[in-house]
Amino acid sequence: MDMLSYLARIGLDALPPATREGLTIAQAAHRAAIGFENLDIQLGRGIAVDARSVFDKLVTRKRGGYCFEQNRLFSDALAQIGIANRPLLARVRLAVPPGVVPPRTHVCLLATINGEHWLADAGFGGSNIPPLPLIDGAEATTPDGARHRLLCVGPPGALAGEWRLERAGPALATDGRAASSLDWQPQYTFDLCEVAPDDLDQANHWTATRPGTRFTTLHVVSIPITDGFAAMSDRQLTIYRAANVEKRTIDNARDYANTVRELFRISLSDDEAAQLSLFL
């Protein structure tokens, strides 16, 4: 992995230390610099999650990606920093009715520093939740005004999950799936089972190709910003900044490409935007 190019992409001048603070610095820089997006699915290109393809797309070509891409790149970077880590598969619980068991369509990371385990995630399309210690009740607050907590909720292997990440905060500081209530809402559940590369390939393939799902029916782009969150679903843009909300509809392909480049820090050309079904 070309760490100098990666560090330049995320705006860091030096390699972070292999400590809790270094993990937090690296994740925050990654999230602020590389937007979350699924546009290659909508462009009919598919999603590759091997190390070379992900680095080429997110670093060399300065595109964004969704969790399987983002956390593959972040995992490789952490290994270079000296932070041991491995992937975990999770079930996204946003807007899922009680009793429904969603598939494992999210990947996050279990990082280990000095024998302590941390939940790290550079690929969840919401707030930049700082790495949380794998401790029941661990909490963090993000600049968008949301609180986040990690709960141990069940035995290993349970369909309901061994661990659950929850959020309580303003709905407008999300991608639109949060309920209007400020109560705690589940984000995703996971266990600590080991995950093989083919497990990731299979989950990524399902997520990128399953008809009727969020990623195959919508054009999704988001990024945490200094004091809030920006999200675009199809042509609807929402920017939540310092508790103020700006909403507007993207008018045309050029406006879409400019917004993606300037706000979400994703290198999308005008020609590529014009190929999206939104503007055909």
Protein backbone atom coordinates (compact mmCIF):
# COMPACT_ATOMS: atom_id res chain seq x y z
CA MET A 1 0.00 0.00 0.00
CA ASP A 2 1.32 3.43 -0.97
CA MET A 3 0.89 5.13 2.41
CA LEU A 4 2.20 8.49 1.23
CA SER A 5 -0.57 8.69 -1.36
CA TYR A 6 -3.16 7.52 1.17
CA LEU A 7 -2.03 10.10 3.74
CA ALA A 8 -2.18 12.82 1.10
CA ARG A 9 -5.70 11.69 0.15
CA ILE A 10 -6.92 12.00 3.75
CA GLY A 11 -4.99 15.18 4.49
CA LEU A 12 -2.43 13.92 6.99
CA ASP A 13 1.23 14.93 6.88
CA ALA A 14 2.56 11.99 8.87
CA LEU A 15 1.71 8.44 9.84
CA PRO A 16 -0.48 8.38 12.98
CA PRO A 17 0.88 6.40 15.92
CA ALA A 18 -0.34 2.86 16.60
CA THR A 19 -2.36 4.04 19.60
CA ARG A 20 -5.97 4.78 20.45
CA GLU A 21 -5.33 8.42 19.59
CA GLY A 22 -3.75 7.44 16.28
CA LEU A 23 -6.71 5.22 15.43
CA THR A 24 -9.10 8.08 16.15
CA ILE A 25 -7.06 10.57 14.10
CA ALA A 26 -6.82 8.22 11.12
CA GLN A 27 -10.53 7.40 11.08
CA ALA A 28 -11.61 11.04 11.40
CA ALA A 29 -9.30 12.09 8.57
CA HIS A 30 -10.49 9.24 6.35
CA ARG A 31 -14.17 10.00 6.94
CA ALA A 32 -13.74 13.74 6.31
CA ALA A 33 -11.83 13.21 3.07
CA ILE A 34 -13.45 10.26 1.29
CA GLY A 35 -17.19 10.50 0.68
CA PHE A 36 -19.57 7.57 1.01
CA GLU A 37 -21.21 6.66 -2.31
CA ASN A 38 -22.66 3.86 -4.44
CA LEU A 39 -22.52 5.55 -7.85
CA ASP A 40 -20.56 2.81 -9.62
CA ILE A 41 -23.51 0.48 -9.02
CA GLN A 42 -25.79 2.97 -10.78
CA LEU A 43 -23.24 3.37 -13.57
CA GLY A 44 -23.27 -0.40 -14.13
CA ARG A 45 -19.64 -0.92 -13.17
CA GLY A 46 -20.03 -3.15 -10.13
CA ILE A 47 -17.98 -3.03 -6.94
CA ALA A 48 -14.61 -4.73 -6.46
CA VAL A 49 -13.25 -5.05 -2.91
CA ASP A 50 -9.73 -6.41 -3.39
CA ALA A 51 -6.95 -4.19 -2.06
CA ARG A 52 -5.60 -3.06 -5.43
CA SER A 53 -9.01 -2.12 -6.88
CA VAL A 54 -10.10 -0.26 -3.77
CA PHE A 55 -6.86 1.73 -3.53
CA ASP A 56 -7.04 2.64 -7.21
CA LYS A 57 -10.62 3.85 -6.92
CA LEU A 58 -10.61 5.69 -3.57
CA VAL A 59 -7.05 7.01 -3.53
CA THR A 60 -5.64 7.18 -7.07
CA ARG A 61 -8.87 8.18 -8.83
CA LYS A 62 -10.22 10.06 -5.79
CA ARG A 63 -13.65 8.46 -5.89
CA GLY A 64 -15.67 7.45 -2.83
CA GLY A 65 -17.19 4.13 -1.94
CA TYR A 66 -19.47 2.25 0.41
CA CYS A 67 -18.58 0.17 3.47
CA PHE A 68 -16.92 -2.81 1.76
CA GLU A 69 -14.58 -0.45 -0.09
CA GLN A 70 -14.03 2.13 2.64
CA ASN A 71 -13.23 -0.34 5.38
CA ARG A 72 -11.04 -2.47 3.12
CA LEU A 73 -8.90 0.60 2.46
CA PHE A 74 -8.98 1.66 6.12
CA SER A 75 -8.09 -1.87 7.27
CA ASP A 76 -5.08 -1.94 4.97
CA ALA A 77 -4.00 1.49 6.22
CA LEU A 78 -4.31 0.47 9.88
CA ALA A 79 -2.15 -2.57 9.21
CA GLN A 80 0.53 -0.27 7.78
CA ILE A 81 0.25 1.97 10.83
CA GLY A 82 0.77 -1.09 13.03
CA ILE A 83 -2.76 -1.51 14.37
CA ALA A 84 -3.96 -5.10 14.16
CA ASN A 85 -7.51 -5.37 12.87
CA ARG A 86 -9.97 -7.72 11.20
CA PRO A 87 -13.37 -7.31 9.52
CA LEU A 88 -16.72 -8.03 11.13
CA LEU A 89 -20.01 -8.44 9.26
CA ALA A 90 -23.02 -6.55 10.58
CA ARG A 91 -26.77 -6.36 10.05
CA VAL A 92 -27.98 -2.80 9.39
CA ARG A 93 -31.00 -2.10 11.62
CA LEU A 94 -31.94 1.38 10.40
CA ALA A 95 -35.70 1.55 9.67
CA VAL A 96 -36.01 -2.25 10.03
CA PRO A 97 -39.29 -3.31 11.71
CA PRO A 98 -39.07 -5.34 14.94
CA GLY A 99 -38.84 -9.06 14.32
CA VAL A 100 -37.22 -8.71 10.89
CA VAL A 101 -33.69 -10.08 10.55
CA PRO A 102 -31.82 -8.17 7.83
CA PRO A 103 -28.85 -9.74 5.98
CA ARG A 104 -25.23 -8.98 6.83
CA THR A 105 -24.68 -6.09 4.42
CA HIS A 106 -22.27 -3.95 6.43
CA VAL A 107 -18.62 -4.48 7.28
CA CYS A 108 -16.90 -2.79 10.21
CA LEU A 109 -13.53 -3.43 11.87
CA LEU A 110 -12.35 -4.86 15.17
CA ALA A 111 -9.06 -3.12 15.98
CA THR A 112 -6.76 -4.31 18.76
CA ILE A 113 -4.34 -1.99 20.56
CA ASN A 114 -2.30 -3.19 23.55
CA GLY A 115 -4.71 -6.07 24.05
CA GLU A 116 -7.81 -3.83 24.05
CA HIS A 117 -10.50 -4.21 21.37
CA TRP A 118 -12.07 -1.25 19.56
CA LEU A 119 -14.95 -0.94 17.10
CA ALA A 120 -13.62 1.12 14.19
CA ASP A 121 -15.70 2.05 11.15
CA ALA A 122 -14.74 4.30 8.25
CA GLY A 123 -17.58 3.06 6.08
CA PHE A 124 -20.94 3.64 7.77
CA GLY A 125 -22.85 6.32 5.90
CA GLY A 126 -23.57 8.54 8.89
CA SER A 127 -21.74 10.51 11.56
CA ASN A 128 -18.06 9.89 12.07
CA ILE A 129 -18.49 7.90 15.27
CA PRO A 130 -15.02 7.76 16.83
CA PRO A 131 -13.64 4.30 17.57
CA LEU A 132 -15.46 2.88 20.58
CA PRO A 133 -13.93 0.48 23.09
CA LEU A 134 -15.63 -2.90 22.94
CA ILE A 135 -17.26 -2.30 26.32
CA ASP A 136 -20.94 -2.53 27.16
CA GLY A 137 -22.29 1.02 27.42
CA ALA A 138 -19.38 2.80 25.71
CA GLU A 139 -20.58 6.20 24.44
CA ALA A 140 -19.43 9.07 22.23
CA THR A 141 -20.91 12.38 21.06
CA THR A 142 -20.34 13.69 17.53
CA PRO A 143 -20.24 17.31 16.24
CA ASP A 144 -23.69 16.93 14.66
CA GLY A 145 -25.16 16.76 18.17
CA ALA A 146 -25.83 13.02 18.16
CA ARG A 147 -24.95 10.57 20.90
CA HIS A 148 -23.80 7.04 20.10
CA ARG A 149 -23.48 3.99 22.30
CA LEU A 150 -22.38 0.39 22.05
CA LEU A 151 -24.31 -2.28 23.93
CA CYS A 152 -23.68 -5.97 24.51
CA VAL A 153 -27.12 -7.39 23.81
CA GLY A 154 -26.90 -11.15 23.27
CA PRO A 155 -24.80 -14.30 23.15
CA PRO A 156 -22.32 -14.94 20.32
CA GLY A 157 -24.08 -16.03 17.13
CA ALA A 158 -27.54 -14.77 18.11
CA LEU A 159 -29.62 -13.48 15.20
CA ALA A 160 -30.39 -10.35 17.22
CA GLY A 161 -26.65 -9.72 17.47
CA GLU A 162 -24.04 -9.90 20.19
CA TRP A 163 -23.36 -6.16 20.05
CA ARG A 164 -25.60 -3.27 18.94
CA LEU A 165 -24.59 0.24 17.93
CA GLU A 166 -27.25 2.87 18.68
CA ARG A 167 -27.74 6.57 17.96
CA ALA A 168 -29.80 9.33 19.60
CA GLY A 169 -29.81 12.63 17.77
CA PRO A 170 -31.45 14.92 15.21
CA ALA A 171 -32.97 13.03 12.29
CA LEU A 172 -31.95 15.76 9.84
CA ALA A 173 -28.29 15.00 10.55
CA THR A 174 -28.67 11.60 8.85
CA ASP A 175 -29.23 10.14 5.40
CA GLY A 176 -32.99 10.26 5.96
CA ARG A 177 -33.62 6.86 7.48
CA ALA A 178 -33.68 7.96 11.12
CA ALA A 179 -37.00 8.33 12.93
CA SER A 180 -37.91 11.85 14.05
CA SER A 181 -37.69 10.85 17.72
CA LEU A 182 -34.53 11.68 19.65
CA ASP A 183 -34.71 8.33 21.45
CA TRP A 184 -32.01 5.71 21.01
CA GLN A 185 -32.32 3.99 17.64
CA PRO A 186 -30.42 0.89 16.49
CA GLN A 187 -27.87 1.39 13.71
CA TYR A 188 -26.42 -2.09 13.25
CA THR A 189 -25.75 -5.31 15.14
CA PHE A 190 -22.76 -7.62 14.89
CA ASP A 191 -20.89 -10.45 16.53
CA LEU A 192 -17.18 -11.20 16.74
CA CYS A 193 -17.06 -14.25 14.49
CA GLU A 194 -14.11 -14.41 12.12
CA VAL A 195 -14.88 -13.37 8.55
CA ALA A 196 -13.21 -14.94 5.50
CA PRO A 197 -12.40 -12.99 2.32
CA ASP A 198 -15.06 -14.96 0.43
CA ASP A 199 -17.63 -13.95 3.07
CA LEU A 200 -16.88 -10.32 2.23
CA ASP A 201 -17.04 -10.98 -1.51
CA GLN A 202 -20.40 -12.70 -1.11
CA ALA A 203 -21.90 -9.98 1.10
CA ASN A 204 -20.58 -7.26 -1.20
CA HIS A 205 -22.00 -8.99 -4.28
CA TRP A 206 -25.45 -9.31 -2.65
CA THR A 207 -25.39 -5.67 -1.54
CA ALA A 208 -24.34 -4.41 -4.97
CA THR A 209 -26.71 -6.52 -7.07
CA ARG A 210 -29.84 -7.46 -5.10
CA PRO A 211 -32.85 -5.87 -6.87
CA GLY A 212 -35.05 -3.54 -4.88
CA THR A 213 -32.52 -2.64 -2.18
CA ARG A 214 -31.26 0.77 -1.13
CA PHE A 215 -28.02 0.52 -3.05
CA THR A 216 -29.49 -0.82 -6.28
CA THR A 217 -32.45 1.59 -6.45
CA LEU A 218 -31.04 4.88 -5.10
CA HIS A 219 -28.07 7.13 -5.82
CA VAL A 220 -26.54 7.59 -2.37
CA VAL A 221 -23.82 10.07 -1.39
CA SER A 222 -22.89 11.37 2.09
CA ILE A 223 -20.06 12.77 4.19
CA PRO A 224 -19.58 14.08 7.74
CA ILE A 225 -18.72 17.78 7.79
CA THR A 226 -17.08 19.84 10.53
CA ASP A 227 -20.23 20.61 12.48
CA GLY A 228 -22.79 18.35 10.86
CA PHE A 229 -23.56 16.01 8.01
CA ALA A 230 -24.33 16.21 4.28
CA ALA A 231 -26.34 13.62 2.37
CA MET A 232 -27.77 13.27 -1.10
CA SER A 233 -30.38 10.69 -2.06
CA ASP A 234 -31.00 10.76 -5.80
CA ARG A 235 -31.41 14.49 -6.51
CA GLN A 236 -32.36 15.57 -2.97
CA LEU A 237 -29.55 17.25 -1.06
CA THR A 238 -29.64 17.88 2.70
CA ILE A 239 -26.92 19.74 4.59
CA TYR A 240 -27.14 19.84 8.39
CA ARG A 241 -24.67 22.35 9.80
CA ALA A 242 -24.64 23.81 13.33
CA ALA A 243 -28.30 22.74 13.79
CA ASN A 244 -29.31 24.60 10.62
CA VAL A 245 -30.73 22.69 7.67
CA GLU A 246 -30.37 23.43 3.98
CA LYS A 247 -32.35 21.40 1.46
CA ARG A 248 -32.47 21.67 -2.29
CA THR A 249 -33.10 19.63 -5.40
CA ILE A 250 -30.24 19.07 -7.83
CA ASP A 251 -31.30 20.50 -11.19
CA ASN A 252 -29.08 18.80 -13.74
CA ALA A 253 -26.06 16.55 -14.29
CA ARG A 254 -23.55 19.40 -14.15
CA ASP A 255 -24.97 20.64 -10.85
CA TYR A 256 -24.88 17.06 -9.54
CA ALA A 257 -21.23 16.53 -10.54
CA ASN A 258 -20.17 19.88 -9.06
CA THR A 259 -21.93 19.10 -5.78
CA VAL A 260 -20.35 15.66 -5.58
CA ARG A 261 -16.88 17.09 -6.22
CA GLU A 262 -17.04 20.17 -4.02
CA LEU A 263 -19.12 19.03 -1.06
CA PHE A 264 -18.54 15.28 -0.96
CA ARG A 265 -14.90 15.34 -2.16
CA ILE A 266 -15.55 12.69 -4.83
CA SER A 267 -14.02 13.02 -8.29
CA LEU A 268 -17.01 12.49 -10.58
CA SER A 269 -16.91 13.98 -14.07
CA ASP A 270 -19.77 15.83 -15.76
CA ASP A 271 -19.92 13.04 -18.35
CA GLU A 272 -20.24 10.38 -15.66
CA ALA A 273 -23.02 12.31 -13.93
CA ALA A 274 -24.84 12.62 -17.25
CA GLN A 275 -24.81 8.81 -17.55
CA LEU A 276 -26.74 8.35 -14.30
CA SER A 277 -30.37 7.35 -14.75
CA LEU A 278 -31.36 10.48 -12.82
CA PHE A 279 -30.62 12.54 -15.91
CA LEU A 280 -31.43 10.19 -18.79
